PDB file of N, CA and C in Angstrom:
ATOM      1  N   MET A   1      51.790 104.844 101.143  1.00  0.00           N
ATOM      2  CA  MET A   1      51.789 104.013  99.884  1.00  0.00           C
ATOM      3  C   MET A   1      50.731 102.977 100.277  1.00  0.00           C
ATOM      4  N   SER A   2      50.126 102.652  99.134  1.00  0.00           N
ATOM      5  CA  SER A   2      49.270 101.555  99.400  1.00  0.00           C
ATOM      6  C   SER A   2      49.687 100.301  99.250  1.00  0.00           C
ATOM      7  N   ARG A   3      48.959  99.397  99.673  1.00  0.00           N
ATOM      8  CA  ARG A   3      49.698  97.701  99.697  1.00  0.00           C
ATOM      9  C   ARG A   3      49.908  97.375  98.172  1.00  0.00           C
ATOM     10  N   ARG A   4      48.862  97.849  97.351  1.00  0.00           N
ATOM     11  CA  ARG A   4      49.437  97.268  95.813  1.00  0.00           C
ATOM     12  C   ARG A   4      50.648  97.852  95.552  1.00  0.00           C
ATOM     13  N   THR A   5      50.874  99.390  95.817  1.00  0.00           N
ATOM     14  CA  THR A   5      51.934  99.475  95.248  1.00  0.00           C
ATOM     15  C   THR A   5      53.414  98.912  95.822  1.00  0.00           C
ATOM     16  N   VAL A   6      53.250  98.556  96.956  1.00  0.00           N
ATOM     17  CA  VAL A   6      54.333  97.689  97.827  1.00  0.00           C
ATOM     18  C   VAL A   6      54.307  96.403  97.070  1.00  0.00           C
ATOM     19  N   ALA A   7      53.346  95.766  96.724  1.00  0.00           N
ATOM     20  CA  ALA A   7      53.256  94.520  96.019  1.00  0.00           C
ATOM     21  C   ALA A   7      53.963  94.644  94.740  1.00  0.00           C
ATOM     22  N   LEU A   8      53.561  95.716  93.999  1.00  0.00           N
ATOM     23  CA  LEU A   8      53.836  95.880  92.591  1.00  0.00           C
ATOM     24  C   LEU A   8      55.693  96.105  92.756  1.00  0.00           C
ATOM     25  N   ALA A   9      56.025  96.520  93.760  1.00  0.00           N
ATOM     26  CA  ALA A   9      57.340  97.086  93.697  1.00  0.00           C
ATOM     27  C   ALA A   9      58.253  95.730  94.400  1.00  0.00           C
ATOM     28  N   LEU A  10      57.522  94.654  94.988  1.00  0.00           N
ATOM     29  CA  LEU A  10      58.434  93.649  95.175  1.00  0.00           C
ATOM     30  C   LEU A  10      58.436  92.279  94.225  1.00  0.00           C
ATOM     31  N   GLU A  11      57.423  92.476  93.102  1.00  0.00           N
ATOM     32  CA  GLU A  11      57.479  91.431  92.263  1.00  0.00           C
ATOM     33  C   GLU A  11      58.814  91.553  91.621  1.00  0.00           C
ATOM     34  N   PRO A  12      58.931  90.692  90.953  1.00  0.00           N
ATOM     35  CA  PRO A  12      60.455  90.251  90.163  1.00  0.00           C
ATOM     36  C   PRO A  12      60.651  91.353  88.884  1.00  0.00           C
ATOM     37  N   VAL A  13      61.668  91.915  88.703  1.00  0.00           N
ATOM     38  CA  VAL A  13      61.802  92.853  87.726  1.00  0.00           C
ATOM     39  C   VAL A  13      61.838  92.278  86.441  1.00  0.00           C
ATOM     40  N   TRP A  14      62.339  90.886  86.226  1.00  0.00           N
ATOM     41  CA  TRP A  14      62.268  90.307  84.817  1.00  0.00           C
ATOM     42  C   TRP A  14      60.817  89.728  84.409  1.00  0.00           C
ATOM     43  N   PRO A  15      60.645  89.846  83.396  1.00  0.00           N
ATOM     44  CA  PRO A  15      58.921  89.338  82.584  1.00  0.00           C
ATOM     45  C   PRO A  15      59.119  87.815  82.766  1.00  0.00           C
ATOM     46  N   ALA A  16      58.029  87.078  82.911  1.00  0.00           N
ATOM     47  CA  ALA A  16      57.795  85.783  82.781  1.00  0.00           C
ATOM     48  C   ALA A  16      58.476  85.122  81.537  1.00  0.00           C
ATOM     49  N   PRO A  17      59.062  84.045  81.340  1.00  0.00           N
ATOM     50  CA  PRO A  17      59.330  83.421  80.230  1.00  0.00           C
ATOM     51  C   PRO A  17      58.107  83.511  79.190  1.00  0.00           C
ATOM     52  N   ARG A  18      58.358  83.675  77.817  1.00  0.00           N
ATOM     53  CA  ARG A  18      57.663  83.147  76.926  1.00  0.00           C
ATOM     54  C   ARG A  18      57.281  81.830  76.877  1.00  0.00           C
ATOM     55  N   LYS A  19      55.881  81.547  76.460  1.00  0.00           N
ATOM     56  CA  LYS A  19      55.514  79.859  76.369  1.00  0.00           C
ATOM     57  C   LYS A  19      56.072  79.476  74.956  1.00  0.00           C
ATOM     58  N   GLN A  20      56.616  78.263  75.090  1.00  0.00           N
ATOM     59  CA  GLN A  20      57.430  77.579  73.965  1.00  0.00           C
ATOM     60  C   GLN A  20      56.316  77.095  72.954  1.00  0.00           C
ATOM     61  N   LEU A  21      56.408  77.543  71.723  1.00  0.00           N
ATOM     62  CA  LEU A  21      55.509  76.942  70.950  1.00  0.00           C
ATOM     63  C   LEU A  21      56.146  76.011  70.050  1.00  0.00           C
ATOM     64  N   PRO A  22      55.271  74.816  69.706  1.00  0.00           N
ATOM     65  CA  PRO A  22      55.727  73.625  69.124  1.00  0.00           C
ATOM     66  C   PRO A  22      56.233  73.960  67.644  1.00  0.00           C
ATOM     67  N   PRO A  23      57.455  73.003  67.387  1.00  0.00           N
ATOM     68  CA  PRO A  23      57.894  73.539  66.212  1.00  0.00           C
ATOM     69  C   PRO A  23      56.809  73.102  64.844  1.00  0.00           C
ATOM     70  N   ARG A  24      56.801  74.076  64.129  1.00  0.00           N
ATOM     71  CA  ARG A  24      56.056  74.112  62.790  1.00  0.00           C
ATOM     72  C   ARG A  24      56.693  73.186  61.922  1.00  0.00           C
ATOM     73  N   ILE A  25      55.802  72.638  60.812  1.00  0.00           N
ATOM     74  CA  ILE A  25      56.373  71.429  59.862  1.00  0.00           C
ATOM     75  C   ILE A  25      56.540  72.480  58.871  1.00  0.00           C
ATOM     76  N   SER A  26      57.753  71.996  57.987  1.00  0.00           N
ATOM     77  CA  SER A  26      58.068  73.028  56.865  1.00  0.00           C
ATOM     78  C   SER A  26      57.257  72.788  55.716  1.00  0.00           C
ATOM     79  N   ARG A  27      56.850  73.690  55.120  1.00  0.00           N
ATOM     80  CA  ARG A  27      56.055  73.362  53.675  1.00  0.00           C
ATOM     81  C   ARG A  27      57.258  72.832  52.592  1.00  0.00           C
ATOM     82  N   LEU A  28      58.401  72.630  52.872  1.00  0.00           N
ATOM     83  CA  LEU A  28      59.350  72.232  51.813  1.00  0.00           C
ATOM     84  C   LEU A  28      59.406  70.807  52.467  1.00  0.00           C
ATOM     85  N   ASP A  29      59.030  70.022  53.336  1.00  0.00           N
ATOM     86  CA  ASP A  29      59.211  68.768  53.708  1.00  0.00           C
ATOM     87  C   ASP A  29      58.722  67.728  52.629  1.00  0.00           C
ATOM     88  N   PRO A  30      57.704  68.160  52.131  1.00  0.00           N
ATOM     89  CA  PRO A  30      57.144  66.923  50.807  1.00  0.00           C
ATOM     90  C   PRO A  30      58.290  67.017  49.637  1.00  0.00           C
ATOM     91  N   PHE A  31      59.065  67.966  49.559  1.00  0.00           N
ATOM     92  CA  PHE A  31      60.036  68.246  48.305  1.00  0.00           C
ATOM     93  C   PHE A  31      61.272  68.058  48.461  1.00  0.00           C
ATOM     94  N   LYS A  32      61.853  68.153  49.763  1.00  0.00           N
ATOM     95  CA  LYS A  32      63.224  68.025  50.028  1.00  0.00           C
ATOM     96  C   LYS A  32      63.936  66.862  49.541  1.00  0.00           C
ATOM     97  N   ALA A  33      63.474  65.864  49.242  1.00  0.00           N
ATOM     98  CA  ALA A  33      64.107  64.803  48.675  1.00  0.00           C
ATOM     99  C   ALA A  33      64.290  65.006  47.177  1.00  0.00           C
ATOM    100  N   THR A  34      63.263  65.790  46.497  1.00  0.00           N
ATOM    101  CA  THR A  34      63.363  66.239  45.063  1.00  0.00           C
ATOM    102  C   THR A  34      64.475  67.241  44.979  1.00  0.00           C
ATOM    103  N   ILE A  35      64.501  68.268  45.804  1.00  0.00           N
ATOM    104  CA  ILE A  35      65.436  69.030  45.629  1.00  0.00           C
ATOM    105  C   ILE A  35      66.835  68.891  46.184  1.00  0.00           C
ATOM    106  N   ASP A  36      66.848  68.131  47.092  1.00  0.00           N
ATOM    107  CA  ASP A  36      68.404  67.264  47.119  1.00  0.00           C
ATOM    108  C   ASP A  36      68.968  66.654  46.277  1.00  0.00           C
ATOM    109  N   GLU A  37      68.039  65.980  45.284  1.00  0.00           N
ATOM    110  CA  GLU A  37      68.523  65.319  44.313  1.00  0.00           C
ATOM    111  C   GLU A  37      69.079  66.280  42.941  1.00  0.00           C
ATOM    112  N   ILE A  38      68.340  67.260  42.904  1.00  0.00           N
ATOM    113  CA  ILE A  38      68.411  68.226  42.220  1.00  0.00           C
ATOM    114  C   ILE A  38      69.834  68.959  42.232  1.00  0.00           C
ATOM    115  N   LEU A  39      70.284  69.263  43.490  1.00  0.00           N
ATOM    116  CA  LEU A  39      71.669  69.751  43.997  1.00  0.00           C
ATOM    117  C   LEU A  39      72.578  68.837  43.914  1.00  0.00           C
ATOM    118  N   ARG A  40      72.257  67.620  44.318  1.00  0.00           N
ATOM    119  CA  ARG A  40      73.461  66.638  43.761  1.00  0.00           C
ATOM    120  C   ARG A  40      73.548  66.316  42.629  1.00  0.00           C
ATOM    121  N   VAL A  41      72.821  66.445  41.591  1.00  0.00           N
ATOM    122  CA  VAL A  41      73.093  66.453  39.988  1.00  0.00           C
ATOM    123  C   VAL A  41      73.821  67.548  39.544  1.00  0.00           C
ATOM    124  N   ASP A  42      73.498  68.673  40.278  1.00  0.00           N
ATOM    125  CA  ASP A  42      74.224  70.029  39.921  1.00  0.00           C
ATOM    126  C   ASP A  42      75.608  70.179  40.334  1.00  0.00           C
ATOM    127  N   LEU A  43      76.138  69.238  41.528  1.00  0.00           N
ATOM    128  CA  LEU A  43      77.149  69.421  41.754  1.00  0.00           C
ATOM    129  C   LEU A  43      78.375  68.767  40.633  1.00  0.00           C
ATOM    130  N   ASP A  44      77.732  68.016  39.737  1.00  0.00           N
ATOM    131  CA  ASP A  44      78.756  67.371  38.731  1.00  0.00           C
ATOM    132  C   ASP A  44      78.744  68.329  37.439  1.00  0.00           C
ATOM    133  N   ALA A  45      77.374  69.168  37.382  1.00  0.00           N
ATOM    134  CA  ALA A  45      77.087  69.808  36.216  1.00  0.00           C
ATOM    135  C   ALA A  45      78.094  71.058  35.938  1.00  0.00           C
ATOM    136  N   PRO A  46      78.616  71.509  34.909  1.00  0.00           N
ATOM    137  CA  PRO A  46      79.314  72.590  34.594  1.00  0.00           C
ATOM    138  C   PRO A  46      78.736  74.058  35.289  1.00  0.00           C
ATOM    139  N   HIS A  47      79.302  74.977  35.605  1.00  0.00           N
ATOM    140  CA  HIS A  47      78.691  76.237  36.015  1.00  0.00           C
ATOM    141  C   HIS A  47      77.359  76.703  35.395  1.00  0.00           C
ATOM    142  N   LYS A  48      77.542  76.924  34.060  1.00  0.00           N
ATOM    143  CA  LYS A  48      76.376  77.537  33.435  1.00  0.00           C
ATOM    144  C   LYS A  48      75.138  76.674  33.275  1.00  0.00           C
ATOM    145  N   HIS A  49      75.442  75.308  33.608  1.00  0.00           N
ATOM    146  CA  HIS A  49      74.010  74.381  33.576  1.00  0.00           C
ATOM    147  C   HIS A  49      73.481  74.102  34.750  1.00  0.00           C
ATOM    148  N   ARG A  50      73.857  74.576  35.931  1.00  0.00           N
ATOM    149  CA  ARG A  50      73.565  74.288  37.268  1.00  0.00           C
ATOM    150  C   ARG A  50      71.811  75.132  37.301  1.00  0.00           C
ATOM    151  N   HIS A  51      70.951  74.552  38.142  1.00  0.00           N
ATOM    152  CA  HIS A  51      70.078  74.987  38.333  1.00  0.00           C
ATOM    153  C   HIS A  51      69.724  76.226  39.228  1.00  0.00           C
ATOM    154  N   THR A  52      68.917  77.227  38.419  1.00  0.00           N
ATOM    155  CA  THR A  52      68.782  78.280  39.502  1.00  0.00           C
ATOM    156  C   THR A  52      67.779  78.300  40.429  1.00  0.00           C
ATOM    157  N   VAL A  53      67.971  79.147  41.681  1.00  0.00           N
ATOM    158  CA  VAL A  53      66.978  78.915  42.572  1.00  0.00           C
ATOM    159  C   VAL A  53      65.220  79.029  42.153  1.00  0.00           C
ATOM    160  N   LYS A  54      65.194  79.830  41.225  1.00  0.00           N
ATOM    161  CA  LYS A  54      63.952  80.274  40.576  1.00  0.00           C
ATOM    162  C   LYS A  54      63.657  78.959  39.745  1.00  0.00           C
ATOM    163  N   ARG A  55      64.286  78.359  39.143  1.00  0.00           N
ATOM    164  CA  ARG A  55      64.194  76.975  38.383  1.00  0.00           C
ATOM    165  C   ARG A  55      64.022  75.889  39.598  1.00  0.00           C
ATOM    166  N   VAL A  56      64.611  75.712  40.707  1.00  0.00           N
ATOM    167  CA  VAL A  56      64.274  74.563  41.495  1.00  0.00           C
ATOM    168  C   VAL A  56      62.809  74.832  41.939  1.00  0.00           C
ATOM    169  N   PHE A  57      62.495  76.219  42.273  1.00  0.00           N
ATOM    170  CA  PHE A  57      61.145  76.812  42.846  1.00  0.00           C
ATOM    171  C   PHE A  57      60.336  76.183  41.835  1.00  0.00           C
ATOM    172  N   GLU A  58      60.372  76.457  40.537  1.00  0.00           N
ATOM    173  CA  GLU A  58      59.447  75.800  39.597  1.00  0.00           C
ATOM    174  C   GLU A  58      59.195  74.371  39.771  1.00  0.00           C
TER     175      GLU A  58
END
């Protein structure tokens, strides 16, 4: 056996841990206050008058 084969056999079995990426900024951040306000108002509204996800998106 060559030295390289022996060196590869002696290396750890587990792969190296992945590099941690910095957290991404959400695209919703500028709109979170508005969305929260819509949802708070919808808590008091009757079921049929609540906003759908499509309407909140628009």
